[in-house]
């Protein structure tokens, strides 16, 4: 089985969010299962060509695409996903990808105004360039709206092209909150016939074009990154963002597969980014990491019995920081320490900075992205706060469990599918959960966790439960192979 895996971002080449982690890990796991998988993404300027030994693909003639009266050239570079034999391709074009950011302008922190054109160019280039590889995929695995147009190209523009005739498409939705909604004029550059654009058609969405909608309609199989999220996005506008009806129409082809995590990167026994390694059998290193991080963050030193709570997140409405704000004063009345890492909306930057001034020595705030610090927080914290409004899958709760850091989460999407509520009577469960989206419920749940923390024996059982969980990619890869086979039989 030959799979072409298409993503706008991919670890370790370029990362903006969780999509990059998945795109960097799943193809490697598929390869280990015997799948002939290759990846393709844009060749952003930030990708270090020398470090990753990227070279032009032999025998490939650059493709010329007309844009605003000029011929833009698109060519292909080749490398490998580090630590594997998975071939990675990169679509190179100076005009669209020779800039610092992936989606956003680093100066303005806003999305590039020509993002629609950039990803149309990316997908159009793929359709032309892969025909020259001498390698024909059976299925193209698309990820999110940036790549969705390929589904329509195969079913519409290339329906009678022998190279594409039998090719199937799977679309993975990582976050339906981002759909790629653009002015209808993009239809021209995307090469679709204007007659395809009319109310309620695949190409029309409230007088605009919605790339995600196009992908959902034209893909053979659709999946999202947890079973609960697959149900949620069909259930209401709150989760479906206007596409709930389109998804309900495809419900028989919609599946949920929880993301895996890369235990070669996230493992306290081997993690080179943490000062003290530790294991499920010996947690001494975790205690030392906690003491060190509290000092590094300039917080007043806490005895071991004082819990350290961690937050690593995009600071956005989706992540539940509005309900956290509603109980921050109540939370700070407890003898705890809190360390926050992330960037996002200005109002949450301001909020955390204000609370760090209000409660000096108790809150450490880091408004940045810092991978090393993320590992240190997971390795040092006793609990991890993730009160999301919605969460397609979530990765940090999975990292947390591996590091014996107990997640406190809302039962939505992947959080519901991966964190089992702790029952102090039976000793079963891996974290603390709440249903309603409110400051009151969040605070009640944190209080339960703080109370459980004071019982050393029960807490030790909970930590063991969490660290014993297995969310390796091999399990998810097998489920994806099942979906590929379903698509190929359609």
Protein backbone atom coordinates (compact mmCIF):
# COMPACT_ATOMS: atom_id res chain seq x y z
CA UNK A 1 0.00 0.00 0.00
CA UNK A 2 1.42 3.37 -1.06
CA UNK A 3 0.36 6.46 0.92
CA UNK A 4 1.19 10.11 0.26
CA UNK A 5 0.84 12.03 3.54
CA UNK A 6 0.17 15.76 2.95
CA UNK A 7 0.48 18.37 5.71
CA UNK A 8 1.13 22.10 5.99
CA UNK A 9 3.46 21.55 8.97
CA UNK A 10 5.57 18.67 10.25
CA UNK A 11 7.99 18.05 13.11
CA UNK A 12 10.95 18.56 13.04
CA UNK A 13 10.85 20.79 9.94
CA UNK A 14 8.21 23.39 10.86
CA UNK A 15 5.79 23.41 13.80
CA UNK A 16 2.90 25.69 14.72
CA UNK A 17 0.65 23.28 16.60
CA UNK A 18 -0.27 19.68 17.34
CA UNK A 19 -0.77 18.90 13.63
CA UNK A 20 3.02 19.05 13.17
CA UNK A 21 3.58 16.48 15.94
CA UNK A 22 1.11 14.08 14.33
CA UNK A 23 2.52 14.62 10.83
CA UNK A 24 6.05 13.93 12.03
CA UNK A 25 5.18 10.77 13.95
CA UNK A 26 2.32 8.93 12.20
CA UNK A 27 4.15 8.34 8.87
CA UNK A 28 7.09 6.79 10.76
CA UNK A 29 4.69 4.52 12.67
CA UNK A 30 2.96 3.55 9.40
CA UNK A 31 6.33 2.74 7.85
CA UNK A 32 7.09 0.40 10.77
CA UNK A 33 3.82 -1.40 9.95
CA UNK A 34 5.07 -2.06 6.41
CA UNK A 35 3.31 0.80 4.61
CA UNK A 36 5.16 2.56 1.76
CA UNK A 37 4.48 6.10 2.98
CA UNK A 38 5.96 9.40 1.80
CA UNK A 39 5.26 12.89 3.11
CA UNK A 40 4.97 16.28 1.43
CA UNK A 41 4.81 19.82 2.81
CA UNK A 42 5.79 23.38 1.75
CA UNK A 43 9.51 24.25 1.79
CA UNK A 44 9.27 27.19 4.20
CA UNK A 45 12.30 29.44 4.55
CA UNK A 46 12.72 28.45 8.21
CA UNK A 47 13.47 24.81 7.25
CA UNK A 48 17.21 24.24 7.51
CA UNK A 49 18.12 22.69 4.13
CA UNK A 50 21.65 21.82 5.22
CA UNK A 51 20.74 20.28 8.56
CA UNK A 52 18.13 17.98 6.99
CA UNK A 53 20.20 17.29 3.82
CA UNK A 54 17.44 18.46 1.48
CA UNK A 55 18.25 18.13 -2.21
CA UNK A 56 16.32 18.64 -5.48
CA UNK A 57 14.53 15.48 -6.61
CA UNK A 58 16.29 13.99 -9.64
CA UNK A 59 14.35 13.93 -12.88
CA UNK A 60 11.69 16.40 -11.73
CA UNK A 61 10.94 19.29 -14.10
CA UNK A 62 9.69 22.39 -12.22
CA UNK A 63 6.02 23.20 -12.80
CA UNK A 64 4.93 26.68 -13.88
CA UNK A 65 1.69 28.06 -12.42
CA UNK A 66 0.19 31.36 -13.62
CA UNK A 67 -0.55 33.79 -10.79
CA UNK A 68 -1.65 37.37 -11.44
CA UNK A 69 -0.01 37.39 -14.86
CA UNK A 70 3.31 35.97 -13.72
CA UNK A 71 4.63 32.42 -14.09
CA UNK A 72 5.52 31.07 -10.65
CA UNK A 73 7.80 28.06 -10.62
CA UNK A 74 7.22 25.14 -8.28
CA UNK A 75 9.91 22.52 -7.68
CA UNK A 76 10.49 19.61 -5.34
CA UNK A 77 13.12 18.96 -2.67
CA UNK A 78 13.68 15.62 -0.98
CA UNK A 79 14.93 14.48 2.40
CA UNK A 80 13.95 11.97 5.07
CA UNK A 81 12.00 12.12 8.29
CA UNK A 82 14.83 11.93 10.87
CA UNK A 83 15.41 8.53 12.39
CA UNK A 84 13.51 6.75 9.62
CA UNK A 85 13.56 5.77 5.95
CA UNK A 86 10.39 7.77 5.23
CA UNK A 87 10.98 10.00 2.19
CA UNK A 88 9.90 13.60 2.79
CA UNK A 89 9.16 15.95 -0.14
CA UNK A 90 9.04 19.74 0.03
CA UNK A 91 7.26 22.01 -2.47
CA UNK A 92 9.61 24.93 -3.09
CA UNK A 93 8.58 28.40 -4.25
CA UNK A 94 10.25 31.59 -3.13
CA UNK A 95 7.22 33.86 -3.68
CA UNK A 96 4.80 31.93 -1.42
CA UNK A 97 7.07 30.03 0.98
CA UNK A 98 10.27 32.08 1.07
CA UNK A 99 9.09 34.02 4.12
CA UNK A 100 9.65 33.53 7.82
CA UNK A 101 6.23 32.42 9.02
CA UNK A 102 4.19 29.29 8.36
CA UNK A 103 0.66 30.70 8.59
CA UNK A 104 1.26 34.01 10.32
CA UNK A 105 3.44 37.04 9.69
CA UNK A 106 5.93 37.07 12.62
CA UNK A 107 5.79 40.90 12.69
CA UNK A 108 2.01 41.32 12.90
CA UNK A 109 1.19 37.91 14.47
CA UNK A 110 -1.72 37.83 11.99
CA UNK A 111 -2.33 35.34 9.18
CA UNK A 112 -0.78 36.19 5.82
CA UNK A 113 -3.33 37.93 3.61
CA UNK A 114 -2.58 35.57 0.73
CA UNK A 115 -2.89 32.31 2.71
CA UNK A 116 -5.67 31.17 0.36
CA UNK A 117 -3.39 31.60 -2.64
CA UNK A 118 -0.43 30.03 -0.83
CA UNK A 119 -2.25 26.78 -0.08
CA UNK A 120 -4.00 26.65 -3.45
CA UNK A 121 -0.52 26.93 -4.98
CA UNK A 122 0.75 24.18 -2.66
CA UNK A 123 -2.05 21.76 -3.58
CA UNK A 124 -1.96 22.54 -7.31
CA UNK A 125 1.81 21.99 -7.29
CA UNK A 126 1.42 18.60 -5.64
CA UNK A 127 -1.04 17.45 -8.28
CA UNK A 128 1.47 18.23 -11.05
CA UNK A 129 4.76 17.31 -9.38
CA UNK A 130 3.91 13.85 -8.02
CA UNK A 131 3.07 12.62 -11.53
CA UNK A 132 6.80 12.84 -12.29
CA UNK A 133 7.99 10.73 -9.34
CA UNK A 134 7.63 7.31 -10.92
CA UNK A 135 5.76 6.40 -7.73
CA UNK A 136 1.97 6.30 -7.68
CA UNK A 137 0.17 6.47 -4.33
CA UNK A 138 -2.94 4.34 -3.78
CA UNK A 139 -4.27 6.90 -1.32
CA UNK A 140 -3.55 10.50 -0.42
CA UNK A 141 -3.88 11.31 3.29
CA UNK A 142 -4.86 14.98 3.69
CA UNK A 143 -4.68 16.99 6.91
CA UNK A 144 -6.92 19.97 7.68
CA UNK A 145 -8.11 22.69 5.32
CA UNK A 146 -4.69 23.65 3.91
CA UNK A 147 -4.62 20.41 1.90
CA UNK A 148 -8.36 19.77 1.40
CA UNK A 149 -8.62 20.96 -2.21
CA UNK A 150 -6.69 17.88 -3.35
CA UNK A 151 -9.82 15.79 -2.67
CA UNK A 152 -11.79 17.91 -5.14
CA UNK A 153 -8.96 17.97 -7.69
CA UNK A 154 -8.90 14.18 -7.79
CA UNK A 155 -12.70 13.88 -8.07
CA UNK A 156 -13.27 16.87 -10.39
CA UNK A 157 -10.31 18.16 -12.35
CA UNK A 158 -8.45 14.86 -12.62
CA UNK A 159 -11.39 12.47 -12.69
CA UNK A 160 -10.38 11.17 -16.13
CA UNK A 161 -6.61 11.23 -15.61
CA UNK A 162 -5.36 7.63 -15.43
CA UNK A 163 -2.76 8.56 -12.81
CA UNK A 164 -5.50 9.69 -10.40
CA UNK A 165 -8.43 7.57 -11.59
CA UNK A 166 -8.27 4.90 -8.86
CA UNK A 167 -6.66 7.05 -6.18
CA UNK A 168 -8.55 7.39 -2.89
CA UNK A 169 -8.52 10.21 -0.34
CA UNK A 170 -8.66 10.28 3.44
CA UNK A 171 -9.07 13.64 5.20
CA UNK A 172 -8.02 14.01 8.85
CA UNK A 173 -9.67 16.90 10.70
CA UNK A 174 -7.41 18.03 13.53
CA UNK A 175 -9.40 21.11 14.57
CA UNK A 176 -12.68 22.10 12.92
CA UNK A 177 -12.35 25.59 14.38
CA UNK A 178 -9.96 26.42 11.53
CA UNK A 179 -11.67 25.87 8.16
CA UNK A 180 -9.93 28.02 5.55
CA UNK A 181 -12.81 30.38 4.67
CA UNK A 182 -11.89 32.77 1.86
CA UNK A 183 -13.49 35.12 -0.70
CA UNK A 184 -15.15 33.28 -3.59
CA UNK A 185 -12.69 34.86 -6.07
CA UNK A 186 -10.19 32.16 -5.06
CA UNK A 187 -12.23 29.75 -7.23
CA UNK A 188 -10.46 31.16 -10.30
CA UNK A 189 -6.92 30.51 -9.03
CA UNK A 190 -8.00 27.11 -7.70
CA UNK A 191 -8.99 26.18 -11.27
CA UNK A 192 -12.58 25.21 -10.46
CA UNK A 193 -15.34 26.14 -12.87
CA UNK A 194 -17.38 29.15 -11.74
CA UNK A 195 -20.52 27.17 -12.57
CA UNK A 196 -19.65 24.96 -9.56
CA UNK A 197 -20.27 27.95 -7.29
CA UNK A 198 -23.92 28.39 -6.31
CA UNK A 199 -25.85 28.42 -3.00
CA UNK A 200 -25.51 25.16 -1.04
CA UNK A 201 -22.98 23.68 -3.49
CA UNK A 202 -19.78 22.01 -2.33
CA UNK A 203 -17.87 25.20 -3.14
CA UNK A 204 -20.19 27.77 -1.52
CA UNK A 205 -20.28 28.63 2.17
CA UNK A 206 -22.21 31.76 3.19
CA UNK A 207 -21.13 33.56 0.01
CA UNK A 208 -17.51 32.45 0.47
CA UNK A 209 -15.38 29.37 -0.21
CA UNK A 210 -14.65 26.94 2.63
CA UNK A 211 -11.67 24.64 1.98
CA UNK A 212 -12.57 22.28 4.82
CA UNK A 213 -16.13 21.86 3.49
CA UNK A 214 -14.74 20.96 0.06
CA UNK A 215 -12.44 18.35 1.63
CA UNK A 216 -15.27 16.80 3.66
CA UNK A 217 -17.56 16.49 0.62
CA UNK A 218 -14.99 15.06 -1.81
CA UNK A 219 -12.90 12.75 0.43
CA UNK A 220 -13.68 9.02 0.46
CA UNK A 221 -13.15 8.70 4.21
CA UNK A 222 -12.98 11.38 6.91
CA UNK A 223 -11.58 11.00 10.36
CA UNK A 224 -10.91 13.21 13.30
CA UNK A 225 -8.57 12.79 16.21
CA UNK A 226 -10.86 11.22 18.81
CA UNK A 227 -14.11 9.27 18.81
CA UNK A 228 -15.90 11.77 21.06
CA UNK A 229 -14.86 14.73 18.88
CA UNK A 230 -16.19 12.88 15.80
CA UNK A 231 -19.60 12.81 17.51
CA UNK A 232 -19.37 16.36 18.85
CA UNK A 233 -18.67 18.00 15.49
CA UNK A 234 -21.90 16.54 14.09
CA UNK A 235 -23.95 17.47 17.15
CA UNK A 236 -24.20 21.25 17.16
CA UNK A 237 -22.92 24.55 15.80
CA UNK A 238 -20.85 24.98 18.97
CA UNK A 239 -18.55 22.15 17.83
CA UNK A 240 -19.33 22.02 14.10
CA UNK A 241 -18.75 25.73 13.36
CA UNK A 242 -21.34 25.67 10.58
CA UNK A 243 -20.25 22.34 9.06
CA UNK A 244 -22.26 20.08 11.38
CA UNK A 245 -24.88 19.43 8.66
CA UNK A 246 -22.24 18.61 6.03
CA UNK A 247 -20.62 16.19 8.48
CA UNK A 248 -23.95 14.55 9.33
CA UNK A 249 -24.39 13.90 5.60
CA UNK A 250 -21.07 11.99 5.71
CA UNK A 251 -21.64 10.30 9.09
CA UNK A 252 -21.22 6.79 7.65
CA UNK A 253 -17.73 7.75 6.44
CA UNK A 254 -16.65 9.67 9.57
CA UNK A 255 -14.40 7.98 12.14
CA UNK A 256 -12.39 8.92 15.22
CA UNK A 257 -8.83 7.81 15.99
CA UNK A 258 -7.01 9.15 19.05
CA UNK A 259 -3.56 10.54 18.29
CA UNK A 260 -0.55 8.71 19.60
CA UNK A 261 2.52 10.28 21.14
CA UNK A 262 6.16 9.68 20.38
CA UNK A 263 7.66 7.94 23.40
CA UNK A 264 11.14 8.35 21.99
CA UNK A 265 10.65 12.09 22.59
CA UNK A 266 8.27 12.10 25.57
CA UNK A 267 9.62 9.62 28.10
CA UNK A 268 10.95 10.55 31.55
CA UNK A 269 13.41 7.62 31.49
CA UNK A 270 15.24 8.90 28.38
CA UNK A 271 14.32 12.61 28.13
CA UNK A 272 17.53 14.61 27.57
CA UNK A 273 15.72 17.94 28.15
CA UNK A 274 14.98 17.32 31.84
CA UNK A 275 17.60 17.65 34.61
CA UNK A 276 16.73 14.37 36.35
CA UNK A 277 15.38 11.30 34.60
CA UNK A 278 12.93 9.06 36.46
CA UNK A 279 10.71 6.03 36.00
CA UNK A 280 7.52 4.45 37.28
CA UNK A 281 9.68 2.43 39.71
CA UNK A 282 11.67 5.37 41.04
CA UNK A 283 10.15 8.87 41.14
CA UNK A 284 13.04 10.50 43.00
CA UNK A 285 14.03 12.41 39.86
CA UNK A 286 10.54 13.92 39.56
CA UNK A 287 10.78 15.37 43.07
CA UNK A 288 14.19 16.88 42.26
CA UNK A 289 12.85 18.33 38.99
CA UNK A 290 10.04 19.99 40.93
CA UNK A 291 12.39 21.64 43.41
CA UNK A 292 14.69 22.86 40.61
CA UNK A 293 11.92 24.27 38.42
CA UNK A 294 10.25 26.11 41.30
CA UNK A 295 13.60 27.80 42.04
CA UNK A 296 14.30 28.49 38.32
CA UNK A 297 10.92 30.18 38.00
CA UNK A 298 11.67 32.44 40.96
CA UNK A 299 8.84 31.03 43.04
CA UNK A 300 9.01 30.76 46.81
CA UNK A 301 10.26 27.30 47.68
CA UNK A 302 7.49 24.86 48.55
CA UNK A 303 7.71 21.77 50.67
CA UNK A 304 7.13 18.52 48.79
CA UNK A 305 3.54 18.36 50.05
CA UNK A 306 2.68 21.61 48.24
CA UNK A 307 1.44 20.65 44.76
CA UNK A 308 2.81 22.19 41.59
CA UNK A 309 0.29 22.73 38.80
CA UNK A 310 1.39 23.13 35.18
CA UNK A 311 -0.21 24.73 32.10
CA UNK A 312 1.33 24.40 28.62
CA UNK A 313 -1.03 25.75 25.99
CA UNK A 314 -2.01 28.15 23.28
CA UNK A 315 -3.55 30.97 25.30
CA UNK A 316 -6.87 31.02 23.47
CA UNK A 317 -10.60 30.97 24.24
CA UNK A 318 -10.81 27.34 23.12
CA UNK A 319 -8.52 26.28 25.96
CA UNK A 320 -10.84 27.32 28.81
CA UNK A 321 -8.89 30.24 30.24
CA UNK A 322 -12.06 32.29 30.68
CA UNK A 323 -13.40 29.79 33.25
CA UNK A 324 -9.96 29.55 34.84
CA UNK A 325 -9.95 33.33 35.26
CA UNK A 326 -13.29 33.03 37.08
CA UNK A 327 -11.74 30.88 39.82
CA UNK A 328 -8.11 32.08 39.93
CA UNK A 329 -8.52 33.90 43.25
CA UNK A 330 -10.15 30.82 44.81
CA UNK A 331 -7.36 28.66 43.41
CA UNK A 332 -4.66 30.94 44.82
CA UNK A 333 -6.16 30.71 48.31
CA UNK A 334 -4.75 27.17 48.36
CA UNK A 335 -1.13 26.44 49.15
CA UNK A 336 -0.04 25.65 45.58
CA UNK A 337 2.44 26.75 42.92
CA UNK A 338 1.45 27.31 39.27
CA UNK A 339 3.69 27.51 36.19
CA UNK A 340 2.27 28.69 32.85
CA UNK A 341 3.89 28.36 29.40
CA UNK A 342 2.30 29.58 26.17
CA UNK A 343 1.42 32.41 23.82
CA UNK A 344 -1.84 33.55 22.29
CA UNK A 345 -4.53 36.16 22.82
CA UNK A 346 -3.40 39.38 24.46
CA UNK A 347 -6.19 39.29 27.06
CA UNK A 348 -4.77 36.04 28.48
CA UNK A 349 -1.20 37.37 28.40
CA UNK A 350 -2.47 40.32 30.46
CA UNK A 351 -4.50 38.07 32.75
CA UNK A 352 -1.60 35.81 33.73
CA UNK A 353 0.81 38.73 34.13
CA UNK A 354 -1.66 40.48 36.46
CA UNK A 355 -2.09 37.35 38.59
CA UNK A 356 1.67 36.82 38.81
CA UNK A 357 1.94 40.34 40.28
CA UNK A 358 -1.03 39.78 42.56
CA UNK A 359 0.39 36.49 43.90
CA UNK A 360 4.17 36.91 43.79
CA UNK A 361 6.13 33.75 44.46
CA UNK A 362 3.15 31.53 43.62
CA UNK A 363 2.78 31.86 39.82
CA UNK A 364 5.51 31.58 37.18
CA UNK A 365 4.42 32.98 33.79
CA UNK A 366 6.32 32.30 30.54
CA UNK A 367 4.67 33.97 27.54
CA UNK A 368 6.71 32.21 24.88
CA UNK A 369 7.16 28.87 23.15
CA UNK A 370 10.00 26.91 24.71
CA UNK A 371 10.21 23.18 24.04
CA UNK A 372 12.79 22.51 26.76
CA UNK A 373 10.68 24.30 29.35
CA UNK A 374 7.62 22.31 28.21
CA UNK A 375 9.48 19.09 29.00
CA UNK A 376 10.63 20.47 32.36
CA UNK A 377 7.07 21.46 33.33
CA UNK A 378 5.72 18.01 32.45
CA UNK A 379 8.55 16.37 34.41
CA UNK A 380 8.17 18.58 37.49
CA UNK A 381 4.43 19.19 37.92
CA UNK A 382 2.11 17.16 40.11
CA UNK A 383 -0.99 18.14 38.12
CA UNK A 384 -1.73 19.50 34.66
CA UNK A 385 -4.61 21.93 34.03
CA UNK A 386 -6.51 21.56 30.72
CA UNK A 387 -10.07 22.91 31.12
CA UNK A 388 -10.78 23.17 27.37
CA UNK A 389 -14.07 24.39 25.93
CA UNK A 390 -13.43 21.85 23.15
CA UNK A 391 -10.40 19.68 22.40
CA UNK A 392 -10.26 17.50 19.26
CA UNK A 393 -7.62 15.23 20.80
CA UNK A 394 -5.10 17.03 22.97
CA UNK A 395 -1.54 15.81 23.42
CA UNK A 396 -0.44 17.39 26.68
CA UNK A 397 -2.72 15.22 28.80
CA UNK A 398 -1.01 12.20 27.18
CA UNK A 399 2.49 13.60 27.82
CA UNK A 400 1.44 14.40 31.39
CA UNK A 401 0.35 10.86 32.20
CA UNK A 402 3.66 9.44 30.96
CA UNK A 403 5.47 11.81 33.35
CA UNK A 404 3.24 10.99 36.34
CA UNK A 405 1.62 14.43 36.12
CA UNK A 406 -2.10 14.06 36.78
CA UNK A 407 -4.43 15.75 34.25
CA UNK A 408 -7.38 17.88 35.37
CA UNK A 409 -9.56 18.12 32.26
CA UNK A 410 -13.04 18.83 30.97
CA UNK A 411 -14.84 15.83 29.42
CA UNK A 412 -14.75 16.94 25.81
CA UNK A 413 -13.26 15.41 22.65
CA UNK A 414 -10.02 13.56 23.14
CA UNK A 415 -9.82 14.55 26.81
CA UNK A 416 -12.92 12.46 27.49
CA UNK A 417 -11.51 9.55 25.48
CA UNK A 418 -8.11 9.46 27.18
CA UNK A 419 -8.52 10.51 30.83
CA UNK A 420 -10.47 8.19 33.16
CA UNK A 421 -11.90 9.84 36.31
CA UNK A 422 -10.07 8.72 39.45
CA UNK A 423 -12.18 6.77 41.94
CA UNK A 424 -10.56 6.95 45.36
CA UNK A 425 -12.59 3.94 46.57
CA UNK A 426 -11.50 1.51 43.86
CA UNK A 427 -8.15 3.16 43.08
CA UNK A 428 -8.97 3.14 39.37
CA UNK A 429 -8.61 6.08 36.99
CA UNK A 430 -5.92 8.37 35.64
CA UNK A 431 -7.07 11.94 36.34
CA UNK A 432 -9.80 14.34 37.40
CA UNK A 433 -12.62 15.37 35.07
CA UNK A 434 -15.63 17.71 34.99
CA UNK A 435 -18.53 18.09 32.56
CA UNK A 436 -20.03 21.58 32.72
CA UNK A 437 -18.16 24.53 31.26
CA UNK A 438 -18.03 26.75 34.36
CA UNK A 439 -15.54 28.22 36.84
CA UNK A 440 -17.47 26.55 39.67
CA UNK A 441 -17.13 23.03 38.27
CA UNK A 442 -13.48 23.60 37.44
CA UNK A 443 -12.73 24.76 40.99
CA UNK A 444 -14.64 21.85 42.58
CA UNK A 445 -12.57 19.42 40.47
CA UNK A 446 -9.25 21.09 41.30
CA UNK A 447 -10.23 20.94 44.99
CA UNK A 448 -10.86 17.19 44.66
CA UNK A 449 -7.41 16.77 43.13
CA UNK A 450 -5.75 18.86 45.87
CA UNK A 451 -7.49 16.78 48.53
CA UNK A 452 -6.41 13.50 46.89
CA UNK A 453 -2.84 14.82 46.71
CA UNK A 454 -2.71 15.00 50.52
CA UNK A 455 -3.25 11.22 50.75
CA UNK A 456 0.21 9.96 49.81
CA UNK A 457 -0.80 6.33 49.27
CA UNK A 458 -3.81 7.11 47.05
CA UNK A 459 -1.82 9.62 45.04
CA UNK A 460 0.93 7.06 44.46
CA UNK A 461 -1.66 4.63 43.03
CA UNK A 462 -3.04 7.37 40.75
CA UNK A 463 0.44 8.24 39.47
CA UNK A 464 1.15 4.57 38.75
CA UNK A 465 -2.14 4.26 36.85
CA UNK A 466 -1.33 7.28 34.71
CA UNK A 467 2.23 6.22 33.91
CA UNK A 468 1.05 2.73 32.91
CA UNK A 469 -1.19 4.09 30.12
CA UNK A 470 -0.06 3.36 26.55
CA UNK A 471 -0.75 5.93 23.82
CA UNK A 472 2.02 4.90 21.46
CA UNK A 473 1.67 5.62 17.75
CA UNK A 474 1.77 1.95 16.77
CA UNK A 475 -1.79 1.49 18.06
CA UNK A 476 -3.09 4.52 16.15
CA UNK A 477 -1.17 3.53 13.00
CA UNK A 478 -2.96 0.16 12.90
CA UNK A 479 -6.32 1.97 13.11
CA UNK A 480 -5.32 4.28 10.24
CA UNK A 481 -4.37 1.28 8.10
CA UNK A 482 -7.89 -0.09 8.70
CA UNK A 483 -9.33 3.22 7.42
CA UNK A 484 -7.04 3.18 4.37
CA UNK A 485 -8.36 -0.29 3.52
CA UNK A 486 -11.95 0.93 3.93
CA UNK A 487 -11.24 3.82 1.54
CA UNK A 488 -9.55 1.57 -1.03
CA UNK A 489 -12.60 -0.74 -1.08
CA UNK A 490 -15.03 2.13 -1.80
